Amino acid sequence: MTRSRATAKAAGAAFERAFAKFLAWALDDDRVEVRRTNGINDRGDISAVRTIRGGKVVIECKNVATLALPAWLREAEVERGNDDAVVGVVMHKK
């Protein structure tokens, strides 16, 4: 079965919501949530995650059939810069 654009977007959004819910629980921080997209100035998919020293963390979520880690890491790095974060990471599910 192949994914349509609509089913791919729905799967991605569901993954982002589930991961944000998990992080909010694991970090005991109810401010963690899915972030709205900002087009070219996108700042990652999950907001309000911080390092132990308080620096911003940008999280790019991917729910895909085919891996593209180098491209996703480049995307996370751009978004890290857009958000003035200290680190950008990719959370993926194949």
PDB file of N, CA and C in Angstrom:
ATOM      1  N   MET A   1       0.836  -1.173   0.000  1.00  0.00           N
ATOM      2  CA  MET A   1       0.000   0.000   0.000  1.00  0.00           C
ATOM      3  C   MET A   1       0.890   1.249   0.000  1.00  0.00           C
ATOM      4  N   THR A   2       0.554   2.216  -0.817  1.00  0.00           N
ATOM      5  CA  THR A   2       1.314   3.456  -0.872  1.00  0.00           C
ATOM      6  C   THR A   2       0.553   4.556  -0.139  1.00  0.00           C
ATOM      7  N   ARG A   3       1.305   5.482   0.394  1.00  0.00           N
ATOM      8  CA  ARG A   3       0.707   6.606   1.111  1.00  0.00           C
ATOM      9  C   ARG A   3       0.390   7.730   0.146  1.00  0.00           C
ATOM     10  N   SER A   4      -0.741   8.356   0.385  1.00  0.00           N
ATOM     11  CA  SER A   4      -1.036   9.597  -0.325  1.00  0.00           C
ATOM     12  C   SER A   4      -0.436  10.735   0.498  1.00  0.00           C
ATOM     13  N   ARG A   5      -0.415  11.902  -0.057  1.00  0.00           N
ATOM     14  CA  ARG A   5       0.094  13.057   0.684  1.00  0.00           C
ATOM     15  C   ARG A   5      -0.728  13.283   1.956  1.00  0.00           C
ATOM     16  N   ALA A   6      -2.044  13.122   1.856  1.00  0.00           N
ATOM     17  CA  ALA A   6      -2.924  13.340   3.011  1.00  0.00           C
ATOM     18  C   ALA A   6      -2.669  12.319   4.112  1.00  0.00           C
ATOM     19  N   THR A   7      -2.509  11.043   3.753  1.00  0.00           N
ATOM     20  CA  THR A   7      -2.277  10.027   4.784  1.00  0.00           C
ATOM     21  C   THR A   7      -0.882  10.179   5.389  1.00  0.00           C
ATOM     22  N   ALA A   8       0.085  10.618   4.592  1.00  0.00           N
ATOM     23  CA  ALA A   8       1.431  10.851   5.115  1.00  0.00           C
ATOM     24  C   ALA A   8       1.428  12.009   6.114  1.00  0.00           C
ATOM     25  N   LYS A   9       0.718  13.083   5.785  1.00  0.00           N
ATOM     26  CA  LYS A   9       0.631  14.226   6.699  1.00  0.00           C
ATOM     27  C   LYS A   9      -0.086  13.829   7.984  1.00  0.00           C
ATOM     28  N   ALA A  10      -1.148  13.037   7.859  1.00  0.00           N
ATOM     29  CA  ALA A  10      -1.895  12.593   9.042  1.00  0.00           C
ATOM     30  C   ALA A  10      -1.025  11.710   9.931  1.00  0.00           C
ATOM     31  N   ALA A  11      -0.256  10.805   9.321  1.00  0.00           N
ATOM     32  CA  ALA A  11       0.634   9.935  10.094  1.00  0.00           C
ATOM     33  C   ALA A  11       1.708  10.756  10.795  1.00  0.00           C
ATOM     34  N   GLY A  12       2.255  11.741  10.103  1.00  0.00           N
ATOM     35  CA  GLY A  12       3.270  12.602  10.700  1.00  0.00           C
ATOM     36  C   GLY A  12       2.718  13.407  11.859  1.00  0.00           C
ATOM     37  N   ALA A  13       1.529  13.957  11.689  1.00  0.00           N
ATOM     38  CA  ALA A  13       0.908  14.750  12.756  1.00  0.00           C
ATOM     39  C   ALA A  13       0.593  13.886  13.971  1.00  0.00           C
ATOM     40  N   ALA A  14       0.113  12.670  13.741  1.00  0.00           N
ATOM     41  CA  ALA A  14      -0.191  11.757  14.850  1.00  0.00           C
ATOM     42  C   ALA A  14       1.090  11.387  15.602  1.00  0.00           C
ATOM     43  N   PHE A  15       2.181  11.159  14.862  1.00  0.00           N
ATOM     44  CA  PHE A  15       3.461  10.831  15.489  1.00  0.00           C
ATOM     45  C   PHE A  15       3.959  12.009  16.331  1.00  0.00           C
ATOM     46  N   GLU A  16       3.864  13.225  15.800  1.00  0.00           N
ATOM     47  CA  GLU A  16       4.284  14.412  16.549  1.00  0.00           C
ATOM     48  C   GLU A  16       3.491  14.549  17.843  1.00  0.00           C
ATOM     49  N   ARG A  17       2.167  14.369  17.771  1.00  0.00           N
ATOM     50  CA  ARG A  17       1.325  14.481  18.971  1.00  0.00           C
ATOM     51  C   ARG A  17       1.692  13.422  20.002  1.00  0.00           C
ATOM     52  N   ALA A  18       1.884  12.183  19.545  1.00  0.00           N
ATOM     53  CA  ALA A  18       2.227  11.096  20.467  1.00  0.00           C
ATOM     54  C   ALA A  18       3.588  11.334  21.115  1.00  0.00           C
ATOM     55  N   PHE A  19       4.565  11.794  20.345  1.00  0.00           N
ATOM     56  CA  PHE A  19       5.897  12.033  20.893  1.00  0.00           C
ATOM     57  C   PHE A  19       5.879  13.219  21.857  1.00  0.00           C
ATOM     58  N   ALA A  20       5.138  14.277  21.527  1.00  0.00           N
ATOM     59  CA  ALA A  20       5.029  15.431  22.432  1.00  0.00           C
ATOM     60  C   ALA A  20       4.365  15.009  23.742  1.00  0.00           C
ATOM     61  N   LYS A  21       3.338  14.185  23.649  1.00  0.00           N
ATOM     62  CA  LYS A  21       2.666  13.696  24.860  1.00  0.00           C
ATOM     63  C   LYS A  21       3.630  12.870  25.712  1.00  0.00           C
ATOM     64  N   PHE A  22       4.413  12.001  25.066  1.00  0.00           N
ATOM     65  CA  PHE A  22       5.400  11.205  25.791  1.00  0.00           C
ATOM     66  C   PHE A  22       6.438  12.099  26.466  1.00  0.00           C
ATOM     67  N   LEU A  23       6.977  13.073  25.729  1.00  0.00           N
ATOM     68  CA  LEU A  23       7.990  13.965  26.300  1.00  0.00           C
ATOM     69  C   LEU A  23       7.432  14.775  27.468  1.00  0.00           C
ATOM     70  N   ALA A  24       6.192  15.252  27.335  1.00  0.00           N
ATOM     71  CA  ALA A  24       5.572  16.004  28.437  1.00  0.00           C
ATOM     72  C   ALA A  24       5.503  15.135  29.690  1.00  0.00           C
ATOM     73  N   TRP A  25       5.156  13.873  29.510  1.00  0.00           N
ATOM     74  CA  TRP A  25       5.104  12.942  30.644  1.00  0.00           C
ATOM     75  C   TRP A  25       6.511  12.653  31.180  1.00  0.00           C
ATOM     76  N   ALA A  26       7.435  12.301  30.286  1.00  0.00           N
ATOM     77  CA  ALA A  26       8.786  11.899  30.699  1.00  0.00           C
ATOM     78  C   ALA A  26       9.543  13.045  31.360  1.00  0.00           C
ATOM     79  N   LEU A  27       9.328  14.259  30.880  1.00  0.00           N
ATOM     80  CA  LEU A  27      10.019  15.419  31.437  1.00  0.00           C
ATOM     81  C   LEU A  27       9.206  16.100  32.541  1.00  0.00           C
ATOM     82  N   ASP A  28       7.999  15.592  32.769  1.00  0.00           N
ATOM     83  CA  ASP A  28       7.082  16.172  33.757  1.00  0.00           C
ATOM     84  C   ASP A  28       6.928  17.675  33.513  1.00  0.00           C
ATOM     85  N   ASP A  29       6.619  18.013  32.249  1.00  0.00           N
ATOM     86  CA  ASP A  29       6.504  19.408  31.844  1.00  0.00           C
ATOM     87  C   ASP A  29       5.321  19.547  30.889  1.00  0.00           C
ATOM     88  N   ASP A  30       4.227  20.106  31.380  1.00  0.00           N
ATOM     89  CA  ASP A  30       3.026  20.209  30.547  1.00  0.00           C
ATOM     90  C   ASP A  30       3.109  21.318  29.498  1.00  0.00           C
ATOM     91  N   ARG A  31       4.236  22.033  29.410  1.00  0.00           N
ATOM     92  CA  ARG A  31       4.422  23.047  28.360  1.00  0.00           C
ATOM     93  C   ARG A  31       4.870  22.429  27.034  1.00  0.00           C
ATOM     94  N   VAL A  32       5.341  21.186  27.062  1.00  0.00           N
ATOM     95  CA  VAL A  32       5.808  20.524  25.837  1.00  0.00           C
ATOM     96  C   VAL A  32       4.600  20.263  24.937  1.00  0.00           C
ATOM     97  N   GLU A  33       4.699  20.709  23.686  1.00  0.00           N
ATOM     98  CA  GLU A  33       3.593  20.521  22.753  1.00  0.00           C
ATOM     99  C   GLU A  33       4.087  20.590  21.314  1.00  0.00           C
ATOM    100  N   VAL A  34       3.205  20.197  20.403  1.00  0.00           N
ATOM    101  CA  VAL A  34       3.510  20.281  18.975  1.00  0.00           C
ATOM    102  C   VAL A  34       3.473  21.747  18.575  1.00  0.00           C
ATOM    103  N   ARG A  35       4.455  22.156  17.831  1.00  0.00           N
ATOM    104  CA  ARG A  35       4.589  23.547  17.396  1.00  0.00           C
ATOM    105  C   ARG A  35       3.973  23.715  16.013  1.00  0.00           C
ATOM    106  N   ARG A  36       3.350  24.834  15.769  1.00  0.00           N
ATOM    107  CA  ARG A  36       2.834  25.152  14.432  1.00  0.00           C
ATOM    108  C   ARG A  36       4.003  25.391  13.483  1.00  0.00           C
ATOM    109  N   THR A  37       3.806  25.065  12.222  1.00  0.00           N
ATOM    110  CA  THR A  37       4.875  25.288  11.243  1.00  0.00           C
ATOM    111  C   THR A  37       4.982  26.768  10.906  1.00  0.00           C
ATOM    112  N   ASN A  38       6.188  27.188  10.572  1.00  0.00           N
ATOM    113  CA  ASN A  38       6.447  28.589  10.247  1.00  0.00           C
ATOM    114  C   ASN A  38       7.052  28.736   8.863  1.00  0.00           C
ATOM    115  N   GLY A  39       6.750  27.816   7.965  1.00  0.00           N
ATOM    116  CA  GLY A  39       7.261  27.913   6.603  1.00  0.00           C
ATOM    117  C   GLY A  39       8.777  27.884   6.558  1.00  0.00           C
ATOM    118  N   ILE A  40       9.363  28.842   5.867  1.00  0.00           N
ATOM    119  CA  ILE A  40      10.816  28.883   5.705  1.00  0.00           C
ATOM    120  C   ILE A  40      11.531  29.124   7.036  1.00  0.00           C
ATOM    121  N   ASN A  41      10.835  29.700   8.001  1.00  0.00           N
ATOM    122  CA  ASN A  41      11.420  29.977   9.312  1.00  0.00           C
ATOM    123  C   ASN A  41      11.015  28.936  10.354  1.00  0.00           C
ATOM    124  N   ASP A  42      10.746  27.721   9.907  1.00  0.00           N
ATOM    125  CA  ASP A  42      10.318  26.643  10.800  1.00  0.00           C
ATOM    126  C   ASP A  42      11.325  26.468  11.935  1.00  0.00           C
ATOM    127  N   ARG A  43      10.808  26.198  13.140  1.00  0.00           N
ATOM    128  CA  ARG A  43      11.649  26.078  14.321  1.00  0.00           C
ATOM    129  C   ARG A  43      11.497  24.712  14.994  1.00  0.00           C
ATOM    130  N   GLY A  44      11.204  23.683  14.189  1.00  0.00           N
ATOM    131  CA  GLY A  44      11.068  22.340  14.733  1.00  0.00           C
ATOM    132  C   GLY A  44       9.622  21.961  14.985  1.00  0.00           C
ATOM    133  N   ASP A  45       9.414  20.695  15.354  1.00  0.00           N
ATOM    134  CA  ASP A  45       8.062  20.168  15.511  1.00  0.00           C
ATOM    135  C   ASP A  45       7.560  20.166  16.950  1.00  0.00           C
ATOM    136  N   ILE A  46       8.456  20.136  17.914  1.00  0.00           N
ATOM    137  CA  ILE A  46       8.084  20.067  19.326  1.00  0.00           C
ATOM    138  C   ILE A  46       8.664  21.284  20.038  1.00  0.00           C
ATOM    139  N   SER A  47       7.852  21.943  20.867  1.00  0.00           N
ATOM    140  CA  SER A  47       8.332  23.131  21.584  1.00  0.00           C
ATOM    141  C   SER A  47       8.485  22.862  23.077  1.00  0.00           C
ATOM    142  N   ALA A  48       9.226  23.736  23.731  1.00  0.00           N
ATOM    143  CA  ALA A  48       9.398  23.793  25.193  1.00  0.00           C
ATOM    144  C   ALA A  48      10.302  22.701  25.762  1.00  0.00           C
ATOM    145  N   VAL A  49      11.150  22.102  24.940  1.00  0.00           N
ATOM    146  CA  VAL A  49      12.115  21.126  25.449  1.00  0.00           C
ATOM    147  C   VAL A  49      13.431  21.853  25.654  1.00  0.00           C
ATOM    148  N   ARG A  50      14.041  21.633  26.805  1.00  0.00           N
ATOM    149  CA  ARG A  50      15.288  22.314  27.172  1.00  0.00           C
ATOM    150  C   ARG A  50      16.350  21.306  27.593  1.00  0.00           C
ATOM    151  N   THR A  51      17.604  21.702  27.457  1.00  0.00           N
ATOM    152  CA  THR A  51      18.699  20.884  27.977  1.00  0.00           C
ATOM    153  C   THR A  51      18.708  21.017  29.497  1.00  0.00           C
ATOM    154  N   ILE A  52      19.526  20.236  30.145  1.00  0.00           N
ATOM    155  CA  ILE A  52      19.627  20.304  31.596  1.00  0.00           C
ATOM    156  C   ILE A  52      20.114  21.672  32.068  1.00  0.00           C
ATOM    157  N   ARG A  53      20.824  22.393  31.193  1.00  0.00           N
ATOM    158  CA  ARG A  53      21.308  23.741  31.525  1.00  0.00           C
ATOM    159  C   ARG A  53      20.382  24.844  31.023  1.00  0.00           C
ATOM    160  N   GLY A  54      19.240  24.473  30.460  1.00  0.00           N
ATOM    161  CA  GLY A  54      18.241  25.458  30.056  1.00  0.00           C
ATOM    162  C   GLY A  54      18.265  25.882  28.610  1.00  0.00           C
ATOM    163  N   GLY A  55      19.172  25.325  27.802  1.00  0.00           N
ATOM    164  CA  GLY A  55      19.223  25.678  26.382  1.00  0.00           C
ATOM    165  C   GLY A  55      18.082  25.051  25.603  1.00  0.00           C
ATOM    166  N   LYS A  56      17.622  25.743  24.578  1.00  0.00           N
ATOM    167  CA  LYS A  56      16.535  25.232  23.744  1.00  0.00           C
ATOM    168  C   LYS A  56      16.986  24.009  22.943  1.00  0.00           C
ATOM    169  N   VAL A  57      16.055  23.065  22.767  1.00  0.00           N
ATOM    170  CA  VAL A  57      16.272  21.875  21.942  1.00  0.00           C
ATOM    171  C   VAL A  57      15.229  21.884  20.832  1.00  0.00           C
ATOM    172  N   VAL A  58      15.673  21.804  19.594  1.00  0.00           N
ATOM    173  CA  VAL A  58      14.774  21.691  18.449  1.00  0.00           C
ATOM    174  C   VAL A  58      14.636  20.211  18.110  1.00  0.00           C
ATOM    175  N   ILE A  59      13.393  19.749  17.982  1.00  0.00           N
ATOM    176  CA  ILE A  59      13.137  18.343  17.648  1.00  0.00           C
ATOM    177  C   ILE A  59      12.368  18.287  16.343  1.00  0.00           C
ATOM    178  N   GLU A  60      12.932  17.600  15.379  1.00  0.00           N
ATOM    179  CA  GLU A  60      12.298  17.362  14.081  1.00  0.00           C
ATOM    180  C   GLU A  60      11.791  15.927  14.082  1.00  0.00           C
ATOM    181  N   CYS A  61      10.486  15.741  13.918  1.00  0.00           N
ATOM    182  CA  CYS A  61       9.875  14.399  13.932  1.00  0.00           C
ATOM    183  C   CYS A  61       9.608  13.924  12.513  1.00  0.00           C
ATOM    184  N   LYS A  62       9.883  12.654  12.278  1.00  0.00           N
ATOM    185  CA  LYS A  62       9.647  12.052  10.966  1.00  0.00           C
ATOM    186  C   LYS A  62       9.021  10.674  11.144  1.00  0.00           C
ATOM    187  N   ASN A  63       7.919  10.426  10.444  1.00  0.00           N
ATOM    188  CA  ASN A  63       7.264   9.123  10.408  1.00  0.00           C
ATOM    189  C   ASN A  63       7.200   8.738   8.935  1.00  0.00           C
ATOM    190  N   VAL A  64       8.151   7.926   8.493  1.00  0.00           N
ATOM    191  CA  VAL A  64       8.347   7.706   7.060  1.00  0.00           C
ATOM    192  C   VAL A  64       8.584   6.237   6.727  1.00  0.00           C
ATOM    193  N   ALA A  65       8.497   5.936   5.447  1.00  0.00           N
ATOM    194  CA  ALA A  65       8.803   4.588   4.968  1.00  0.00           C
ATOM    195  C   ALA A  65      10.272   4.475   4.562  1.00  0.00           C
ATOM    196  N   THR A  66      10.870   5.561   4.124  1.00  0.00           N
ATOM    197  CA  THR A  66      12.254   5.564   3.648  1.00  0.00           C
ATOM    198  C   THR A  66      13.090   6.537   4.477  1.00  0.00           C
ATOM    199  N   LEU A  67      14.220   6.065   4.959  1.00  0.00           N
ATOM    200  CA  LEU A  67      15.091   6.906   5.767  1.00  0.00           C
ATOM    201  C   LEU A  67      15.875   7.894   4.909  1.00  0.00           C
ATOM    202  N   ALA A  68      16.065   9.093   5.454  1.00  0.00           N
ATOM    203  CA  ALA A  68      16.872  10.132   4.798  1.00  0.00           C
ATOM    204  C   ALA A  68      17.574  10.950   5.883  1.00  0.00           C
ATOM    205  N   LEU A  69      18.335  10.263   6.721  1.00  0.00           N
ATOM    206  CA  LEU A  69      18.941  10.910   7.888  1.00  0.00           C
ATOM    207  C   LEU A  69      19.787  12.141   7.575  1.00  0.00           C
ATOM    208  N   PRO A  70      20.663  12.113   6.580  1.00  0.00           N
ATOM    209  CA  PRO A  70      21.466  13.315   6.315  1.00  0.00           C
ATOM    210  C   PRO A  70      20.605  14.548   6.009  1.00  0.00           C
ATOM    211  N   ALA A  71      19.579  14.381   5.201  1.00  0.00           N
ATOM    212  CA  ALA A  71      18.699  15.507   4.867  1.00  0.00           C
ATOM    213  C   ALA A  71      17.938  15.984   6.098  1.00  0.00           C
ATOM    214  N   TRP A  72      17.474  15.060   6.920  1.00  0.00           N
ATOM    215  CA  TRP A  72      16.738  15.442   8.133  1.00  0.00           C
ATOM    216  C   TRP A  72      17.640  16.168   9.126  1.00  0.00           C
ATOM    217  N   LEU A  73      18.882  15.726   9.240  1.00  0.00           N
ATOM    218  CA  LEU A  73      19.818  16.401  10.145  1.00  0.00           C
ATOM    219  C   LEU A  73      20.125  17.819   9.655  1.00  0.00           C
ATOM    220  N   ARG A  74      20.237  17.988   8.338  1.00  0.00           N
ATOM    221  CA  ARG A  74      20.431  19.341   7.790  1.00  0.00           C
ATOM    222  C   ARG A  74      19.206  20.210   8.105  1.00  0.00           C
ATOM    223  N   GLU A  75      18.018  19.636   7.961  1.00  0.00           N
ATOM    224  CA  GLU A  75      16.783  20.361   8.276  1.00  0.00           C
ATOM    225  C   GLU A  75      16.750  20.750   9.759  1.00  0.00           C
ATOM    226  N   ALA A  76      17.100  19.818  10.637  1.00  0.00           N
ATOM    227  CA  ALA A  76      17.132  20.103  12.074  1.00  0.00           C
ATOM    228  C   ALA A  76      18.142  21.203  12.390  1.00  0.00           C
ATOM    229  N   GLU A  77      19.258  21.223  11.685  1.00  0.00           N
ATOM    230  CA  GLU A  77      20.273  22.249  11.920  1.00  0.00           C
ATOM    231  C   GLU A  77      19.769  23.629  11.490  1.00  0.00           C
ATOM    232  N   VAL A  78      19.081  23.708  10.369  1.00  0.00           N
ATOM    233  CA  VAL A  78      18.496  24.977   9.929  1.00  0.00           C
ATOM    234  C   VAL A  78      17.469  25.456  10.957  1.00  0.00           C
ATOM    235  N   GLU A  79      16.614  24.546  11.409  1.00  0.00           N
ATOM    236  CA  GLU A  79      15.582  24.897  12.385  1.00  0.00           C
ATOM    237  C   GLU A  79      16.204  25.286  13.728  1.00  0.00           C
ATOM    238  N   ARG A  80      17.319  24.647  14.096  1.00  0.00           N
ATOM    239  CA  ARG A  80      18.037  25.007  15.313  1.00  0.00           C
ATOM    240  C   ARG A  80      18.476  26.471  15.233  1.00  0.00           C
ATOM    241  N   GLY A  81      19.008  26.854  14.080  1.00  0.00           N
ATOM    242  CA  GLY A  81      19.405  28.238  13.890  1.00  0.00           C
ATOM    243  C   GLY A  81      18.219  29.190  13.918  1.00  0.00           C
ATOM    244  N   ASN A  82      17.101  28.799  13.304  1.00  0.00           N
ATOM    245  CA  ASN A  82      15.899  29.634  13.302  1.00  0.00           C
ATOM    246  C   ASN A  82      15.384  29.890  14.716  1.00  0.00           C
ATOM    247  N   ASP A  83      15.554  28.912  15.609  1.00  0.00           N
ATOM    248  CA  ASP A  83      15.036  29.024  16.979  1.00  0.00           C
ATOM    249  C   ASP A  83      16.103  29.474  17.969  1.00  0.00           C
ATOM    250  N   ASP A  84      17.320  29.715  17.494  1.00  0.00           N
ATOM    251  CA  ASP A  84      18.442  30.075  18.357  1.00  0.00           C
ATOM    252  C   ASP A  84      18.606  29.032  19.472  1.00  0.00           C
ATOM    253  N   ALA A  85      18.523  27.764  19.082  1.00  0.00           N
ATOM    254  CA  ALA A  85      18.631  26.647  20.024  1.00  0.00           C
ATOM    255  C   ALA A  85      20.075  26.163  20.100  1.00  0.00           C
ATOM    256  N   VAL A  86      20.380  25.404  21.150  1.00  0.00           N
ATOM    257  CA  VAL A  86      21.736  24.886  21.307  1.00  0.00           C
ATOM    258  C   VAL A  86      21.921  23.549  20.600  1.00  0.00           C
ATOM    259  N   VAL A  87      20.837  22.840  20.344  1.00  0.00           N
ATOM    260  CA  VAL A  87      20.942  21.542  19.685  1.00  0.00           C
ATOM    261  C   VAL A  87      19.670  21.258  18.887  1.00  0.00           C
ATOM    262  N   GLY A  88      19.848  20.562  17.775  1.00  0.00           N
ATOM    263  CA  GLY A  88      18.736  20.094  16.962  1.00  0.00           C
ATOM    264  C   GLY A  88      18.840  18.588  16.812  1.00  0.00           C
ATOM    265  N   VAL A  89      17.739  17.888  17.021  1.00  0.00           N
ATOM    266  CA  VAL A  89      17.738  16.430  16.924  1.00  0.00           C
ATOM    267  C   VAL A  89      16.597  15.960  16.034  1.00  0.00           C
ATOM    268  N   VAL A  90      16.734  14.727  15.552  1.00  0.00           N
ATOM    269  CA  VAL A  90      15.711  14.104  14.734  1.00  0.00           C
ATOM    270  C   VAL A  90      15.172  12.892  15.487  1.00  0.00           C
ATOM    271  N   MET A  91      13.852  12.809  15.599  1.00  0.00           N
ATOM    272  CA  MET A  91      13.182  11.631  16.155  1.00  0.00           C
ATOM    273  C   MET A  91      12.428  11.011  14.991  1.00  0.00           C
ATOM    274  N   HIS A  92      12.793   9.777  14.636  1.00  0.00           N
ATOM    275  CA  HIS A  92      12.120   9.180  13.480  1.00  0.00           C
ATOM    276  C   HIS A  92      11.545   7.822  13.793  1.00  0.00           C
ATOM    277  N   LYS A  93      10.528   7.495  13.021  1.00  0.00           N
ATOM    278  CA  LYS A  93       9.860   6.195  13.109  1.00  0.00           C
ATOM    279  C   LYS A  93       9.692   5.708  11.688  1.00  0.00           C
ATOM    280  N   LYS A  94      10.169   4.503  11.439  1.00  0.00           N
ATOM    281  CA  LYS A  94      10.040   3.950  10.090  1.00  0.00           C
ATOM    282  C   LYS A  94       8.815   3.079  10.021  1.00  0.00           C
TER     283      LYS A  94
END
